[in-house]
Amino acid sequence: MKIPGQIRIVACLVMLSFMLVSGRATAYDPSIYNSLSRSKDALMAQRAHLQDAADDAKAKIDVLQRQLDTINAYLTDTDSALNDVQSALARAQ
């Protein structure tokens, strides 16, 4: 009897998952566990550093965005005043 390919793949994945789960508790010796733990600590420290850098950049962007908003408001006010003056000049002729 021939087993279809998809069923064979699923069966292999189920067997592999069972083998990994059943052997997980005894698969690592203490030196590997300690090495992984140090790697985790280093990655967590790196992530914290990167998060601080991202927070600093966001704060700088927020300051620049407020400055840009203020400048754009001044430009809008200036354009409005310019239009008013041009309209007054056109009526005065």
N, C-alpha and C. Protein backbone atom coordinates (compact mmCIF):
# COMPACT_ATOMS: atom_id res chain seq x y z
N MET A 1 0.84 -1.18 0.00
CA MET A 1 0.00 0.00 0.00
C MET A 1 0.88 1.24 0.00
N LYS A 2 0.62 2.14 -0.90
CA LYS A 2 1.42 3.36 -1.04
C LYS A 2 0.75 4.48 -0.24
N ILE A 3 1.56 5.20 0.58
CA ILE A 3 1.05 6.31 1.39
C ILE A 3 1.28 7.60 0.62
N PRO A 4 0.22 8.45 0.49
CA PRO A 4 0.39 9.72 -0.23
C PRO A 4 1.46 10.59 0.43
N GLY A 5 2.11 11.43 -0.38
CA GLY A 5 3.22 12.26 0.09
C GLY A 5 2.87 13.20 1.22
N GLN A 6 1.70 13.84 1.16
CA GLN A 6 1.31 14.79 2.21
C GLN A 6 1.12 14.09 3.55
N ILE A 7 0.55 12.89 3.52
CA ILE A 7 0.35 12.15 4.77
C ILE A 7 1.69 11.73 5.34
N ARG A 8 2.61 11.32 4.49
CA ARG A 8 3.95 10.95 4.97
C ARG A 8 4.65 12.13 5.63
N ILE A 9 4.52 13.31 5.02
CA ILE A 9 5.15 14.51 5.58
C ILE A 9 4.56 14.83 6.95
N VAL A 10 3.23 14.78 7.04
CA VAL A 10 2.56 15.06 8.32
C VAL A 10 2.99 14.04 9.36
N ALA A 11 3.03 12.77 8.97
CA ALA A 11 3.44 11.72 9.92
C ALA A 11 4.87 11.94 10.39
N CYS A 12 5.75 12.32 9.49
CA CYS A 12 7.15 12.58 9.86
C CYS A 12 7.25 13.77 10.80
N LEU A 13 6.48 14.81 10.53
CA LEU A 13 6.50 16.00 11.40
C LEU A 13 5.97 15.67 12.78
N VAL A 14 4.92 14.85 12.87
CA VAL A 14 4.37 14.45 14.17
C VAL A 14 5.40 13.63 14.94
N MET A 15 6.05 12.71 14.26
CA MET A 15 7.06 11.88 14.94
C MET A 15 8.24 12.74 15.39
N LEU A 16 8.69 13.66 14.55
CA LEU A 16 9.80 14.52 14.90
C LEU A 16 9.44 15.41 16.10
N SER A 17 8.22 15.97 16.07
CA SER A 17 7.77 16.80 17.19
C SER A 17 7.75 16.00 18.48
N PHE A 18 7.27 14.77 18.41
CA PHE A 18 7.22 13.93 19.61
C PHE A 18 8.62 13.65 20.12
N MET A 19 9.54 13.37 19.22
CA MET A 19 10.92 13.10 19.64
C MET A 19 11.56 14.33 20.26
N LEU A 20 11.31 15.50 19.70
CA LEU A 20 11.88 16.73 20.25
C LEU A 20 11.31 17.05 21.62
N VAL A 21 10.00 16.92 21.76
CA VAL A 21 9.36 17.23 23.04
C VAL A 21 9.76 16.25 24.10
N SER A 22 9.81 14.97 23.78
CA SER A 22 10.15 13.96 24.78
C SER A 22 11.61 14.04 25.19
N GLY A 23 12.50 14.49 24.32
CA GLY A 23 13.91 14.53 24.64
C GLY A 23 14.41 15.89 25.07
N ARG A 24 13.52 16.87 25.13
CA ARG A 24 13.95 18.24 25.40
C ARG A 24 14.55 18.39 26.79
N ALA A 25 14.00 17.75 27.78
CA ALA A 25 14.46 17.94 29.15
C ALA A 25 15.87 17.43 29.36
N THR A 26 16.28 16.43 28.61
CA THR A 26 17.60 15.85 28.82
C THR A 26 18.57 16.19 27.69
N ALA A 27 18.15 17.01 26.75
CA ALA A 27 18.97 17.25 25.56
C ALA A 27 20.15 18.17 25.84
N TYR A 28 20.07 19.04 26.84
CA TYR A 28 21.12 20.03 27.06
C TYR A 28 21.91 19.71 28.31
N ASP A 29 23.22 19.79 28.18
CA ASP A 29 24.03 19.66 29.39
C ASP A 29 24.20 21.06 29.98
N PRO A 30 24.68 21.16 31.20
CA PRO A 30 24.76 22.46 31.88
C PRO A 30 25.58 23.50 31.13
N SER A 31 26.65 23.12 30.46
CA SER A 31 27.48 24.11 29.76
C SER A 31 26.71 24.73 28.59
N ILE A 32 25.93 23.92 27.90
CA ILE A 32 25.14 24.47 26.79
C ILE A 32 24.05 25.38 27.34
N TYR A 33 23.41 24.96 28.42
CA TYR A 33 22.37 25.78 29.04
C TYR A 33 22.95 27.12 29.49
N ASN A 34 24.12 27.09 30.13
CA ASN A 34 24.77 28.33 30.59
C ASN A 34 25.15 29.22 29.42
N SER A 35 25.63 28.63 28.34
CA SER A 35 25.99 29.40 27.16
C SER A 35 24.74 30.07 26.57
N LEU A 36 23.65 29.32 26.48
CA LEU A 36 22.41 29.89 25.98
C LEU A 36 21.89 30.99 26.90
N SER A 37 22.05 30.80 28.18
CA SER A 37 21.61 31.80 29.16
C SER A 37 22.41 33.09 29.01
N ARG A 38 23.73 32.97 28.80
CA ARG A 38 24.56 34.15 28.59
C ARG A 38 24.19 34.85 27.28
N SER A 39 23.91 34.06 26.26
CA SER A 39 23.48 34.64 24.99
C SER A 39 22.18 35.40 25.16
N LYS A 40 21.26 34.81 25.90
CA LYS A 40 19.98 35.48 26.16
C LYS A 40 20.21 36.79 26.90
N ASP A 41 21.07 36.78 27.93
CA ASP A 41 21.35 38.01 28.69
C ASP A 41 21.97 39.08 27.80
N ALA A 42 22.90 38.67 26.94
CA ALA A 42 23.54 39.63 26.04
C ALA A 42 22.53 40.21 25.05
N LEU A 43 21.65 39.37 24.54
CA LEU A 43 20.63 39.86 23.61
C LEU A 43 19.65 40.79 24.30
N MET A 44 19.30 40.49 25.54
CA MET A 44 18.39 41.36 26.28
C MET A 44 19.05 42.71 26.54
N ALA A 45 20.34 42.71 26.86
CA ALA A 45 21.06 43.97 27.07
C ALA A 45 21.14 44.76 25.77
N GLN A 46 21.41 44.08 24.67
CA GLN A 46 21.47 44.74 23.37
C GLN A 46 20.11 45.33 23.02
N ARG A 47 19.04 44.58 23.29
CA ARG A 47 17.70 45.08 22.99
C ARG A 47 17.39 46.32 23.82
N ALA A 48 17.76 46.30 25.09
CA ALA A 48 17.53 47.47 25.95
C ALA A 48 18.28 48.68 25.41
N HIS A 49 19.54 48.49 24.98
CA HIS A 49 20.33 49.58 24.42
C HIS A 49 19.67 50.12 23.15
N LEU A 50 19.23 49.22 22.29
CA LEU A 50 18.57 49.64 21.05
C LEU A 50 17.25 50.35 21.34
N GLN A 51 16.52 49.90 22.34
CA GLN A 51 15.27 50.55 22.69
C GLN A 51 15.53 51.96 23.20
N ASP A 52 16.60 52.13 24.02
CA ASP A 52 16.97 53.47 24.49
C ASP A 52 17.32 54.38 23.32
N ALA A 53 18.07 53.85 22.35
CA ALA A 53 18.44 54.64 21.18
C ALA A 53 17.20 55.02 20.37
N ALA A 54 16.27 54.08 20.24
CA ALA A 54 15.03 54.37 19.52
C ALA A 54 14.21 55.43 20.25
N ASP A 55 14.16 55.35 21.57
CA ASP A 55 13.42 56.34 22.36
C ASP A 55 14.04 57.73 22.21
N ASP A 56 15.39 57.79 22.23
CA ASP A 56 16.07 59.07 22.04
C ASP A 56 15.77 59.66 20.66
N ALA A 57 15.83 58.82 19.64
CA ALA A 57 15.55 59.28 18.28
C ALA A 57 14.10 59.76 18.17
N LYS A 58 13.18 59.05 18.80
CA LYS A 58 11.77 59.46 18.77
C LYS A 58 11.58 60.81 19.44
N ALA A 59 12.26 61.04 20.56
CA ALA A 59 12.16 62.32 21.26
C ALA A 59 12.67 63.45 20.37
N LYS A 60 13.79 63.21 19.68
CA LYS A 60 14.34 64.23 18.77
C LYS A 60 13.39 64.50 17.61
N ILE A 61 12.80 63.43 17.08
CA ILE A 61 11.85 63.58 15.98
C ILE A 61 10.63 64.37 16.45
N ASP A 62 10.16 64.11 17.66
CA ASP A 62 9.01 64.84 18.19
C ASP A 62 9.30 66.34 18.30
N VAL A 63 10.51 66.67 18.77
CA VAL A 63 10.89 68.09 18.87
C VAL A 63 10.92 68.73 17.48
N LEU A 64 11.54 68.04 16.52
CA LEU A 64 11.60 68.57 15.16
C LEU A 64 10.21 68.67 14.54
N GLN A 65 9.33 67.71 14.83
CA GLN A 65 7.97 67.76 14.29
C GLN A 65 7.22 68.98 14.83
N ARG A 66 7.40 69.28 16.12
CA ARG A 66 6.75 70.47 16.69
C ARG A 66 7.29 71.73 16.04
N GLN A 67 8.61 71.78 15.80
CA GLN A 67 9.20 72.94 15.12
C GLN A 67 8.63 73.08 13.71
N LEU A 68 8.53 71.96 13.00
CA LEU A 68 7.99 71.98 11.65
C LEU A 68 6.53 72.42 11.65
N ASP A 69 5.76 71.94 12.61
CA ASP A 69 4.36 72.36 12.71
C ASP A 69 4.25 73.87 12.94
N THR A 70 5.13 74.40 13.79
CA THR A 70 5.12 75.84 14.05
C THR A 70 5.49 76.63 12.79
N ILE A 71 6.51 76.19 12.10
CA ILE A 71 6.92 76.87 10.86
C ILE A 71 5.81 76.80 9.82
N ASN A 72 5.18 75.64 9.68
CA ASN A 72 4.08 75.52 8.72
C ASN A 72 2.91 76.42 9.09
N ALA A 73 2.64 76.58 10.38
CA ALA A 73 1.57 77.50 10.80
C ALA A 73 1.94 78.94 10.44
N TYR A 74 3.22 79.31 10.65
CA TYR A 74 3.68 80.65 10.26
C TYR A 74 3.55 80.85 8.74
N LEU A 75 3.89 79.82 7.97
CA LEU A 75 3.76 79.91 6.51
C LEU A 75 2.30 80.11 6.11
N THR A 76 1.40 79.39 6.75
CA THR A 76 -0.02 79.55 6.45
C THR A 76 -0.50 80.96 6.78
N ASP A 77 -0.09 81.45 7.96
CA ASP A 77 -0.46 82.82 8.34
C ASP A 77 0.12 83.84 7.36
N THR A 78 1.36 83.65 6.96
CA THR A 78 2.01 84.56 6.03
C THR A 78 1.32 84.54 4.67
N ASP A 79 0.97 83.34 4.19
CA ASP A 79 0.26 83.23 2.92
C ASP A 79 -1.10 83.93 2.99
N SER A 80 -1.78 83.79 4.10
CA SER A 80 -3.07 84.45 4.26
C SER A 80 -2.92 85.97 4.26
N ALA A 81 -1.92 86.47 4.99
CA ALA A 81 -1.67 87.91 5.02
C ALA A 81 -1.27 88.42 3.65
N LEU A 82 -0.46 87.67 2.93
CA LEU A 82 -0.05 88.04 1.58
C LEU A 82 -1.25 88.12 0.65
N ASN A 83 -2.13 87.15 0.74
CA ASN A 83 -3.35 87.17 -0.08
C ASN A 83 -4.21 88.39 0.25
N ASP A 84 -4.32 88.70 1.54
CA ASP A 84 -5.09 89.88 1.94
C ASP A 84 -4.50 91.15 1.34
N VAL A 85 -3.18 91.29 1.41
CA VAL A 85 -2.52 92.48 0.87
C VAL A 85 -2.69 92.52 -0.65
N GLN A 86 -2.53 91.40 -1.32
CA GLN A 86 -2.70 91.39 -2.77
C GLN A 86 -4.13 91.75 -3.18
N SER A 87 -5.10 91.25 -2.40
CA SER A 87 -6.50 91.61 -2.68
C SER A 87 -6.73 93.10 -2.47
N ALA A 88 -6.17 93.66 -1.41
CA ALA A 88 -6.31 95.09 -1.14
C ALA A 88 -5.64 95.91 -2.25
N LEU A 89 -4.49 95.48 -2.71
CA LEU A 89 -3.81 96.18 -3.80
C LEU A 89 -4.66 96.14 -5.08
N ALA A 90 -5.26 95.01 -5.35
CA ALA A 90 -6.08 94.89 -6.56
C ALA A 90 -7.30 95.78 -6.47
N ARG A 91 -7.90 95.91 -5.30
CA ARG A 91 -9.07 96.78 -5.13
C ARG A 91 -8.70 98.26 -5.20
N ALA A 92 -7.46 98.59 -4.79
CA ALA A 92 -7.01 99.97 -4.74
C ALA A 92 -6.72 100.54 -6.13
N GLN A 93 -6.56 99.72 -7.11
CA GLN A 93 -6.22 100.22 -8.45
C GLN A 93 -7.40 100.76 -9.17
